[in-house]
Amino acid sequence: MAYLANQPIAIANKKVLLLLDNYGPKNRNSLNICDATQGFSFFVQHSELYAIRKAHPKRDIYGFWQLLFLSKQIELSKDSGFFVVYKENSSTDGFFTYYNRVKSEFVTGIVINNAIGAFAQDLSTASIVRPNIELINFPEAILLPVEKQLLKQKLYQKVAL
């Protein structure tokens, strides 16, 4: 599933777009897409969501890590965690998310040639996740705030009739 982030794909016969989201403390400057545990959530940057929406106006958008969490394919119950999902047919390239709640460290990024840039964490300590597409549960798609407002107006108009 990692090879699918930030591009249109089909999962379980549903055409979607997976956005590489982040995990950490709730953040007013980002769009929280899924409450996780103890005041932490999955979130995306407004500018990134806007750019993806502009490029793919009709596609349902979901968070990459959000879907894995909601489908119970990653567990966030500990104070720290480190997960890697490699691209299909690759053991060197993919995506990672790392968190340490005690130290307030939260990093999400890309793995290239088994390296994660300037992030000083040993990949050998990561839990390798092999997503099972059949277990994916789709929540509500991620919407821009303006899309949410328009949807509320449409629903209100239907109820008023």
N, C-alpha and C. Protein backbone atom coordinates (compact mmCIF):
# COMPACT_ATOMS: atom_id res chain seq x y z
N MET A 1 0.82 -1.19 0.00
CA MET A 1 0.00 0.00 0.00
C MET A 1 0.86 1.25 0.00
N ALA A 2 2.12 1.16 0.44
CA ALA A 2 2.97 2.35 0.53
C ALA A 2 3.24 2.98 -0.83
N TYR A 3 3.31 2.16 -1.86
CA TYR A 3 3.57 2.73 -3.17
C TYR A 3 2.41 3.58 -3.66
N LEU A 4 1.32 3.58 -2.91
CA LEU A 4 0.10 4.24 -3.33
C LEU A 4 -0.07 5.65 -2.76
N ALA A 5 0.78 6.09 -1.87
CA ALA A 5 0.56 7.38 -1.22
C ALA A 5 0.70 8.55 -2.20
N ASN A 6 -0.19 9.52 -2.05
CA ASN A 6 -0.22 10.76 -2.82
C ASN A 6 -0.48 10.57 -4.31
N GLN A 7 -1.17 9.49 -4.66
CA GLN A 7 -1.58 9.29 -6.06
C GLN A 7 -2.89 8.51 -6.10
N PRO A 8 -3.69 8.72 -7.17
CA PRO A 8 -4.97 8.01 -7.26
C PRO A 8 -4.77 6.50 -7.38
N ILE A 9 -5.60 5.75 -6.67
CA ILE A 9 -5.54 4.30 -6.70
C ILE A 9 -6.93 3.72 -6.47
N ALA A 10 -7.03 2.42 -6.59
CA ALA A 10 -8.27 1.72 -6.25
C ALA A 10 -7.96 0.74 -5.14
N ILE A 11 -8.74 0.81 -4.07
CA ILE A 11 -8.63 -0.14 -2.96
C ILE A 11 -10.02 -0.72 -2.77
N ALA A 12 -10.10 -2.03 -2.81
CA ALA A 12 -11.39 -2.72 -2.63
C ALA A 12 -12.45 -2.13 -3.57
N ASN A 13 -12.08 -1.94 -4.82
CA ASN A 13 -12.97 -1.41 -5.86
C ASN A 13 -13.45 0.02 -5.60
N LYS A 14 -12.77 0.74 -4.73
CA LYS A 14 -13.10 2.14 -4.44
C LYS A 14 -11.95 3.00 -4.94
N LYS A 15 -12.24 3.97 -5.81
CA LYS A 15 -11.20 4.86 -6.32
C LYS A 15 -10.96 5.97 -5.30
N VAL A 16 -9.72 6.02 -4.80
CA VAL A 16 -9.38 6.96 -3.72
C VAL A 16 -8.00 7.57 -3.96
N LEU A 17 -7.65 8.49 -3.09
CA LEU A 17 -6.31 9.04 -3.05
C LEU A 17 -5.85 8.99 -1.61
N LEU A 18 -4.67 8.42 -1.38
CA LEU A 18 -4.11 8.36 -0.03
C LEU A 18 -3.09 9.49 0.12
N LEU A 19 -3.28 10.31 1.12
CA LEU A 19 -2.40 11.44 1.40
C LEU A 19 -1.49 11.04 2.55
N LEU A 20 -0.20 11.30 2.42
CA LEU A 20 0.73 10.97 3.50
C LEU A 20 0.48 11.93 4.66
N ASP A 21 -0.21 11.42 5.68
CA ASP A 21 -0.60 12.24 6.82
C ASP A 21 0.43 12.12 7.94
N ASN A 22 0.22 12.89 9.00
CA ASN A 22 1.12 12.93 10.15
C ASN A 22 0.37 12.51 11.40
N TYR A 23 1.12 12.10 12.42
CA TYR A 23 0.54 11.74 13.71
C TYR A 23 1.23 12.58 14.77
N GLY A 24 0.44 13.10 15.70
CA GLY A 24 1.03 13.88 16.79
C GLY A 24 -0.03 14.62 17.57
N PRO A 25 0.42 15.59 18.38
CA PRO A 25 -0.54 16.38 19.17
C PRO A 25 -1.47 17.16 18.25
N LYS A 26 -2.70 17.35 18.70
CA LYS A 26 -3.64 18.13 17.89
C LYS A 26 -3.03 19.50 17.63
N ASN A 27 -3.22 19.97 16.41
CA ASN A 27 -2.53 21.16 15.95
C ASN A 27 -3.53 22.09 15.26
N ARG A 28 -3.63 23.32 15.74
CA ARG A 28 -4.60 24.26 15.15
C ARG A 28 -4.25 24.67 13.74
N ASN A 29 -2.98 24.56 13.36
CA ASN A 29 -2.55 24.99 12.04
C ASN A 29 -2.73 23.91 10.97
N SER A 30 -3.20 22.75 11.39
CA SER A 30 -3.41 21.65 10.46
C SER A 30 -4.85 21.19 10.56
N LEU A 31 -5.24 20.33 9.64
CA LEU A 31 -6.58 19.77 9.64
C LEU A 31 -6.53 18.39 10.29
N ASN A 32 -7.13 18.29 11.48
CA ASN A 32 -7.20 17.00 12.16
C ASN A 32 -8.18 16.11 11.40
N ILE A 33 -7.73 14.90 11.03
CA ILE A 33 -8.58 14.02 10.23
C ILE A 33 -9.05 12.80 11.02
N CYS A 34 -8.41 12.54 12.18
CA CYS A 34 -8.81 11.36 12.93
C CYS A 34 -8.23 11.46 14.34
N ASP A 35 -9.10 11.43 15.34
CA ASP A 35 -8.61 11.38 16.71
C ASP A 35 -8.05 9.99 16.96
N ALA A 36 -6.90 9.93 17.59
CA ALA A 36 -6.26 8.63 17.83
C ALA A 36 -6.36 8.28 19.30
N THR A 37 -5.42 8.74 20.10
CA THR A 37 -5.41 8.41 21.52
C THR A 37 -4.88 9.57 22.34
N GLN A 38 -5.41 9.76 23.51
CA GLN A 38 -4.89 10.68 24.52
C GLN A 38 -4.49 12.04 23.98
N GLY A 39 -5.38 12.68 23.21
CA GLY A 39 -5.11 14.03 22.72
C GLY A 39 -4.26 14.08 21.46
N PHE A 40 -3.96 12.93 20.88
CA PHE A 40 -3.18 12.88 19.66
C PHE A 40 -4.09 12.54 18.49
N SER A 41 -3.67 12.96 17.31
CA SER A 41 -4.51 12.72 16.14
C SER A 41 -3.65 12.56 14.89
N PHE A 42 -4.31 12.17 13.83
CA PHE A 42 -3.70 12.18 12.50
C PHE A 42 -4.14 13.48 11.86
N PHE A 43 -3.23 14.13 11.15
CA PHE A 43 -3.56 15.42 10.55
C PHE A 43 -2.82 15.61 9.24
N VAL A 44 -3.32 16.55 8.44
CA VAL A 44 -2.68 16.94 7.18
C VAL A 44 -2.55 18.46 7.16
N GLN A 45 -1.63 18.93 6.37
CA GLN A 45 -1.46 20.37 6.20
C GLN A 45 -2.54 20.87 5.24
N HIS A 46 -3.13 22.02 5.56
CA HIS A 46 -4.18 22.59 4.70
C HIS A 46 -3.67 22.78 3.27
N SER A 47 -2.45 23.31 3.11
CA SER A 47 -1.93 23.61 1.78
C SER A 47 -1.75 22.33 0.96
N GLU A 48 -1.31 21.26 1.61
CA GLU A 48 -1.13 19.99 0.90
C GLU A 48 -2.48 19.40 0.48
N LEU A 49 -3.45 19.45 1.38
CA LEU A 49 -4.78 18.95 1.05
C LEU A 49 -5.39 19.78 -0.09
N TYR A 50 -5.22 21.09 -0.02
CA TYR A 50 -5.76 21.96 -1.07
C TYR A 50 -5.16 21.61 -2.43
N ALA A 51 -3.83 21.42 -2.47
CA ALA A 51 -3.16 21.10 -3.74
C ALA A 51 -3.64 19.75 -4.29
N ILE A 52 -3.77 18.76 -3.42
CA ILE A 52 -4.25 17.44 -3.85
C ILE A 52 -5.70 17.53 -4.33
N ARG A 53 -6.53 18.27 -3.60
CA ARG A 53 -7.93 18.42 -3.99
C ARG A 53 -8.04 19.12 -5.34
N LYS A 54 -7.21 20.13 -5.54
CA LYS A 54 -7.24 20.87 -6.81
C LYS A 54 -6.86 19.94 -7.97
N ALA A 55 -5.89 19.07 -7.75
CA ALA A 55 -5.45 18.14 -8.80
C ALA A 55 -6.44 17.00 -9.01
N HIS A 56 -7.20 16.66 -7.97
CA HIS A 56 -8.13 15.51 -8.03
C HIS A 56 -9.46 15.90 -7.39
N PRO A 57 -10.25 16.77 -8.04
CA PRO A 57 -11.45 17.33 -7.41
C PRO A 57 -12.55 16.32 -7.08
N LYS A 58 -12.63 15.22 -7.76
CA LYS A 58 -13.73 14.27 -7.55
C LYS A 58 -13.32 13.04 -6.73
N ARG A 59 -12.07 12.93 -6.38
CA ARG A 59 -11.55 11.73 -5.72
C ARG A 59 -11.70 11.83 -4.20
N ASP A 60 -12.17 10.75 -3.57
CA ASP A 60 -12.19 10.70 -2.10
C ASP A 60 -10.75 10.62 -1.60
N ILE A 61 -10.43 11.39 -0.57
CA ILE A 61 -9.08 11.45 -0.02
C ILE A 61 -9.09 10.91 1.40
N TYR A 62 -8.07 10.09 1.71
CA TYR A 62 -7.90 9.52 3.05
C TYR A 62 -6.45 9.65 3.45
N GLY A 63 -6.20 9.64 4.75
CA GLY A 63 -4.84 9.64 5.26
C GLY A 63 -4.26 8.23 5.20
N PHE A 64 -3.03 8.13 4.76
CA PHE A 64 -2.33 6.85 4.65
C PHE A 64 -2.25 6.15 6.01
N TRP A 65 -1.70 6.84 7.02
CA TRP A 65 -1.56 6.26 8.36
C TRP A 65 -2.92 6.17 9.05
N GLN A 66 -3.81 7.11 8.77
CA GLN A 66 -5.17 7.09 9.32
C GLN A 66 -5.86 5.78 8.96
N LEU A 67 -5.79 5.37 7.69
CA LEU A 67 -6.44 4.13 7.27
C LEU A 67 -5.83 2.91 7.95
N LEU A 68 -4.51 2.90 8.09
CA LEU A 68 -3.87 1.77 8.77
C LEU A 68 -4.27 1.70 10.23
N PHE A 69 -4.37 2.86 10.87
CA PHE A 69 -4.79 2.91 12.29
C PHE A 69 -6.24 2.46 12.44
N LEU A 70 -7.13 3.03 11.65
CA LEU A 70 -8.56 2.69 11.78
C LEU A 70 -8.85 1.25 11.38
N SER A 71 -7.99 0.67 10.55
CA SER A 71 -8.15 -0.72 10.14
C SER A 71 -7.39 -1.67 11.08
N LYS A 72 -6.89 -1.11 12.19
CA LYS A 72 -6.18 -1.88 13.23
C LYS A 72 -4.96 -2.61 12.69
N GLN A 73 -4.25 -1.95 11.77
CA GLN A 73 -3.02 -2.54 11.24
C GLN A 73 -1.77 -1.92 11.84
N ILE A 74 -1.95 -0.82 12.60
CA ILE A 74 -0.89 -0.29 13.47
C ILE A 74 -1.51 0.00 14.83
N GLU A 75 -0.74 -0.19 15.87
CA GLU A 75 -1.20 -0.02 17.25
C GLU A 75 -0.43 1.14 17.88
N LEU A 76 -1.15 2.12 18.41
CA LEU A 76 -0.52 3.32 18.97
C LEU A 76 -0.67 3.41 20.49
N SER A 77 -0.74 2.30 21.16
CA SER A 77 -1.03 2.32 22.59
C SER A 77 0.19 2.63 23.46
N LYS A 78 1.38 2.46 22.94
CA LYS A 78 2.59 2.71 23.73
C LYS A 78 2.97 4.18 23.68
N ASP A 79 3.90 4.58 24.57
CA ASP A 79 4.39 5.95 24.58
C ASP A 79 5.25 6.27 23.37
N SER A 80 5.76 5.23 22.70
CA SER A 80 6.55 5.47 21.50
C SER A 80 6.31 4.36 20.49
N GLY A 81 6.53 4.68 19.24
CA GLY A 81 6.35 3.70 18.18
C GLY A 81 7.08 4.14 16.93
N PHE A 82 7.42 3.18 16.12
CA PHE A 82 8.16 3.45 14.88
C PHE A 82 7.69 2.42 13.86
N PHE A 83 7.04 2.88 12.80
CA PHE A 83 6.47 1.99 11.80
C PHE A 83 7.01 2.33 10.41
N VAL A 84 7.25 1.29 9.63
CA VAL A 84 7.68 1.46 8.24
C VAL A 84 6.79 0.59 7.37
N VAL A 85 6.34 1.16 6.27
CA VAL A 85 5.62 0.42 5.23
C VAL A 85 6.45 0.57 3.97
N TYR A 86 6.97 -0.54 3.46
CA TYR A 86 7.75 -0.49 2.23
C TYR A 86 6.85 -0.55 1.01
N LYS A 87 7.33 0.05 -0.06
CA LYS A 87 6.60 0.01 -1.33
C LYS A 87 6.52 -1.44 -1.80
N GLU A 88 5.49 -1.70 -2.58
CA GLU A 88 5.34 -3.04 -3.14
C GLU A 88 6.58 -3.40 -3.95
N ASN A 89 7.06 -4.61 -3.78
CA ASN A 89 8.25 -5.13 -4.48
C ASN A 89 9.52 -4.36 -4.13
N SER A 90 9.56 -3.76 -2.93
CA SER A 90 10.77 -3.06 -2.49
C SER A 90 11.03 -3.36 -1.02
N SER A 91 12.28 -3.52 -0.69
CA SER A 91 12.65 -3.66 0.72
C SER A 91 13.53 -2.50 1.15
N THR A 92 13.56 -1.44 0.31
CA THR A 92 14.41 -0.30 0.63
C THR A 92 13.70 1.05 0.60
N ASP A 93 12.53 1.13 -0.04
CA ASP A 93 11.83 2.41 -0.19
C ASP A 93 10.41 2.31 0.34
N GLY A 94 9.96 3.36 1.02
CA GLY A 94 8.60 3.36 1.55
C GLY A 94 8.33 4.60 2.38
N PHE A 95 7.55 4.42 3.43
CA PHE A 95 7.14 5.52 4.29
C PHE A 95 7.31 5.12 5.75
N PHE A 96 7.54 6.11 6.61
CA PHE A 96 7.67 5.81 8.04
C PHE A 96 6.92 6.83 8.87
N THR A 97 6.57 6.43 10.06
CA THR A 97 6.10 7.36 11.08
C THR A 97 6.72 6.94 12.39
N TYR A 98 7.20 7.93 13.14
CA TYR A 98 7.85 7.70 14.43
C TYR A 98 7.23 8.65 15.44
N TYR A 99 6.99 8.16 16.64
CA TYR A 99 6.53 9.05 17.70
C TYR A 99 7.10 8.63 19.03
N ASN A 100 7.36 9.62 19.86
CA ASN A 100 7.74 9.41 21.25
C ASN A 100 7.01 10.50 22.03
N ARG A 101 5.91 10.12 22.65
CA ARG A 101 5.06 11.09 23.35
C ARG A 101 5.79 11.73 24.53
N VAL A 102 6.63 10.98 25.23
CA VAL A 102 7.35 11.51 26.39
C VAL A 102 8.30 12.63 25.96
N LYS A 103 9.00 12.43 24.85
CA LYS A 103 9.96 13.42 24.35
C LYS A 103 9.31 14.44 23.41
N SER A 104 8.02 14.27 23.13
CA SER A 104 7.30 15.12 22.17
C SER A 104 7.97 15.12 20.80
N GLU A 105 8.34 13.93 20.34
CA GLU A 105 8.92 13.77 19.01
C GLU A 105 7.90 13.08 18.11
N PHE A 106 7.61 13.69 16.97
CA PHE A 106 6.65 13.15 16.02
C PHE A 106 7.18 13.44 14.62
N VAL A 107 7.51 12.38 13.87
CA VAL A 107 8.10 12.55 12.54
C VAL A 107 7.46 11.56 11.58
N THR A 108 7.06 12.04 10.42
CA THR A 108 6.54 11.19 9.35
C THR A 108 7.32 11.54 8.10
N GLY A 109 7.68 10.52 7.31
CA GLY A 109 8.44 10.82 6.12
C GLY A 109 8.60 9.65 5.18
N ILE A 110 9.59 9.78 4.31
CA ILE A 110 9.84 8.82 3.24
C ILE A 110 11.14 8.08 3.51
N VAL A 111 11.14 6.79 3.21
CA VAL A 111 12.33 5.95 3.29
C VAL A 111 12.85 5.77 1.87
N ILE A 112 14.12 6.11 1.65
CA ILE A 112 14.76 5.93 0.34
C ILE A 112 16.07 5.20 0.57
N ASN A 113 16.24 4.05 -0.08
CA ASN A 113 17.44 3.22 0.10
C ASN A 113 17.71 2.94 1.58
N ASN A 114 16.66 2.62 2.31
CA ASN A 114 16.74 2.33 3.74
C ASN A 114 17.34 3.47 4.54
N ALA A 115 17.19 4.69 4.05
CA ALA A 115 17.65 5.88 4.78
C ALA A 115 16.45 6.80 4.96
N ILE A 116 16.45 7.51 6.09
CA ILE A 116 15.34 8.41 6.37
C ILE A 116 15.82 9.84 6.59
N GLY A 117 16.76 10.24 5.75
CA GLY A 117 17.25 11.61 5.76
C GLY A 117 17.96 11.96 7.06
N ALA A 118 17.71 13.17 7.54
CA ALA A 118 18.38 13.68 8.73
C ALA A 118 17.80 13.12 10.02
N PHE A 119 16.71 12.39 9.94
CA PHE A 119 16.07 11.84 11.13
C PHE A 119 16.97 10.74 11.70
N ALA A 120 17.42 10.94 12.93
CA ALA A 120 18.41 10.04 13.54
C ALA A 120 17.76 8.89 14.29
N GLN A 121 17.13 8.01 13.57
CA GLN A 121 16.51 6.83 14.19
C GLN A 121 16.94 5.62 13.37
N ASP A 122 17.29 4.55 14.05
CA ASP A 122 17.75 3.33 13.39
C ASP A 122 16.55 2.56 12.83
N LEU A 123 16.53 2.37 11.51
CA LEU A 123 15.42 1.67 10.87
C LEU A 123 15.25 0.24 11.38
N SER A 124 16.32 -0.36 11.90
CA SER A 124 16.21 -1.74 12.37
C SER A 124 15.31 -1.84 13.61
N THR A 125 15.02 -0.72 14.25
CA THR A 125 14.13 -0.73 15.43
C THR A 125 12.66 -0.56 15.06
N ALA A 126 12.39 -0.34 13.77
CA ALA A 126 11.01 -0.09 13.31
C ALA A 126 10.22 -1.39 13.19
N SER A 127 8.92 -1.27 13.41
CA SER A 127 8.01 -2.37 13.12
C SER A 127 7.65 -2.27 11.64
N ILE A 128 7.91 -3.33 10.90
CA ILE A 128 7.58 -3.35 9.48
C ILE A 128 6.10 -3.74 9.35
N VAL A 129 5.34 -2.90 8.67
CA VAL A 129 3.91 -3.14 8.50
C VAL A 129 3.67 -3.58 7.06
N ARG A 130 2.98 -4.68 6.92
CA ARG A 130 2.57 -5.17 5.59
C ARG A 130 1.06 -5.08 5.53
N PRO A 131 0.55 -3.97 5.01
CA PRO A 131 -0.90 -3.73 5.04
C PRO A 131 -1.68 -4.82 4.31
N ASN A 132 -2.80 -5.16 4.89
CA ASN A 132 -3.73 -6.09 4.27
C ASN A 132 -4.89 -5.26 3.72
N ILE A 133 -4.91 -5.11 2.41
CA ILE A 133 -5.91 -4.27 1.74
C ILE A 133 -7.33 -4.72 2.09
N GLU A 134 -7.52 -6.02 2.28
CA GLU A 134 -8.85 -6.54 2.57
C GLU A 134 -9.39 -6.07 3.92
N LEU A 135 -8.50 -5.62 4.80
CA LEU A 135 -8.93 -5.17 6.13
C LEU A 135 -9.18 -3.67 6.20
N ILE A 136 -8.98 -2.95 5.11
CA ILE A 136 -9.13 -1.49 5.12
C ILE A 136 -10.59 -1.12 5.36
N ASN A 137 -10.79 -0.26 6.36
CA ASN A 137 -12.11 0.32 6.66
C ASN A 137 -12.05 1.80 6.29
N PHE A 138 -12.97 2.23 5.45
CA PHE A 138 -12.96 3.62 5.01
C PHE A 138 -13.84 4.47 5.93
N PRO A 139 -13.24 5.49 6.56
CA PRO A 139 -14.05 6.46 7.31
C PRO A 139 -14.62 7.48 6.33
N GLU A 140 -15.15 8.58 6.85
CA GLU A 140 -15.55 9.67 5.96
C GLU A 140 -14.31 10.20 5.27
N ALA A 141 -14.44 10.57 4.01
CA ALA A 141 -13.32 11.13 3.26
C ALA A 141 -12.92 12.47 3.87
N ILE A 142 -11.66 12.82 3.69
CA ILE A 142 -11.16 14.11 4.17
C ILE A 142 -11.69 15.21 3.27
N LEU A 143 -12.23 16.26 3.88
CA LEU A 143 -12.75 17.39 3.13
C LEU A 143 -12.06 18.67 3.57
N LEU A 144 -11.90 19.58 2.64
CA LEU A 144 -11.45 20.93 2.99
C LEU A 144 -12.53 21.61 3.81
N PRO A 145 -12.19 22.55 4.67
CA PRO A 145 -13.23 23.24 5.45
C PRO A 145 -14.34 23.83 4.59
N VAL A 146 -14.00 24.38 3.43
CA VAL A 146 -15.03 24.95 2.55
C VAL A 146 -15.94 23.85 2.00
N GLU A 147 -15.40 22.67 1.73
CA GLU A 147 -16.23 21.55 1.27
C GLU A 147 -17.19 21.09 2.37
N LYS A 148 -16.69 21.08 3.61
CA LYS A 148 -17.56 20.71 4.74
C LYS A 148 -18.72 21.69 4.87
N GLN A 149 -18.41 22.97 4.72
CA GLN A 149 -19.44 24.01 4.83
C GLN A 149 -20.49 23.86 3.73
N LEU A 150 -20.04 23.60 2.51
CA LEU A 150 -20.98 23.41 1.40
C LEU A 150 -21.85 22.18 1.62
N LEU A 151 -21.26 21.12 2.14
CA LEU A 151 -22.01 19.90 2.42
C LEU A 151 -23.06 20.15 3.50
N LYS A 152 -22.70 20.90 4.54
CA LYS A 152 -23.68 21.24 5.59
C LYS A 152 -24.83 22.06 5.02
N GLN A 153 -24.51 23.01 4.14
CA GLN A 153 -25.55 23.83 3.53
C GLN A 153 -26.51 22.99 2.69
N LYS A 154 -25.96 22.04 1.94
CA LYS A 154 -26.80 21.16 1.12
C LYS A 154 -27.71 20.32 2.01
N LEU A 155 -27.16 19.78 3.08
CA LEU A 155 -27.95 18.96 4.00
C LEU A 155 -29.03 19.80 4.67
N TYR A 156 -28.68 21.02 5.05
CA TYR A 156 -29.66 21.90 5.68
C TYR A 156 -30.80 22.22 4.72
N GLN A 157 -30.44 22.47 3.47
CA GLN A 157 -31.47 22.79 2.46
C GLN A 157 -32.39 21.60 2.25
N LYS A 158 -31.88 20.37 2.25
CA LYS A 158 -32.70 19.18 2.08
C LYS A 158 -33.67 19.02 3.26
N VAL A 159 -33.17 19.27 4.49
CA VAL A 159 -34.01 19.14 5.68
C VAL A 159 -35.07 20.23 5.69
N ALA A 160 -34.72 21.44 5.23
CA ALA A 160 -35.67 22.55 5.23
C ALA A 160 -36.82 22.35 4.25
N LEU A 161 -36.56 21.56 3.21
CA LEU A 161 -37.61 21.31 2.21
C LEU A 161 -38.60 20.37 2.81
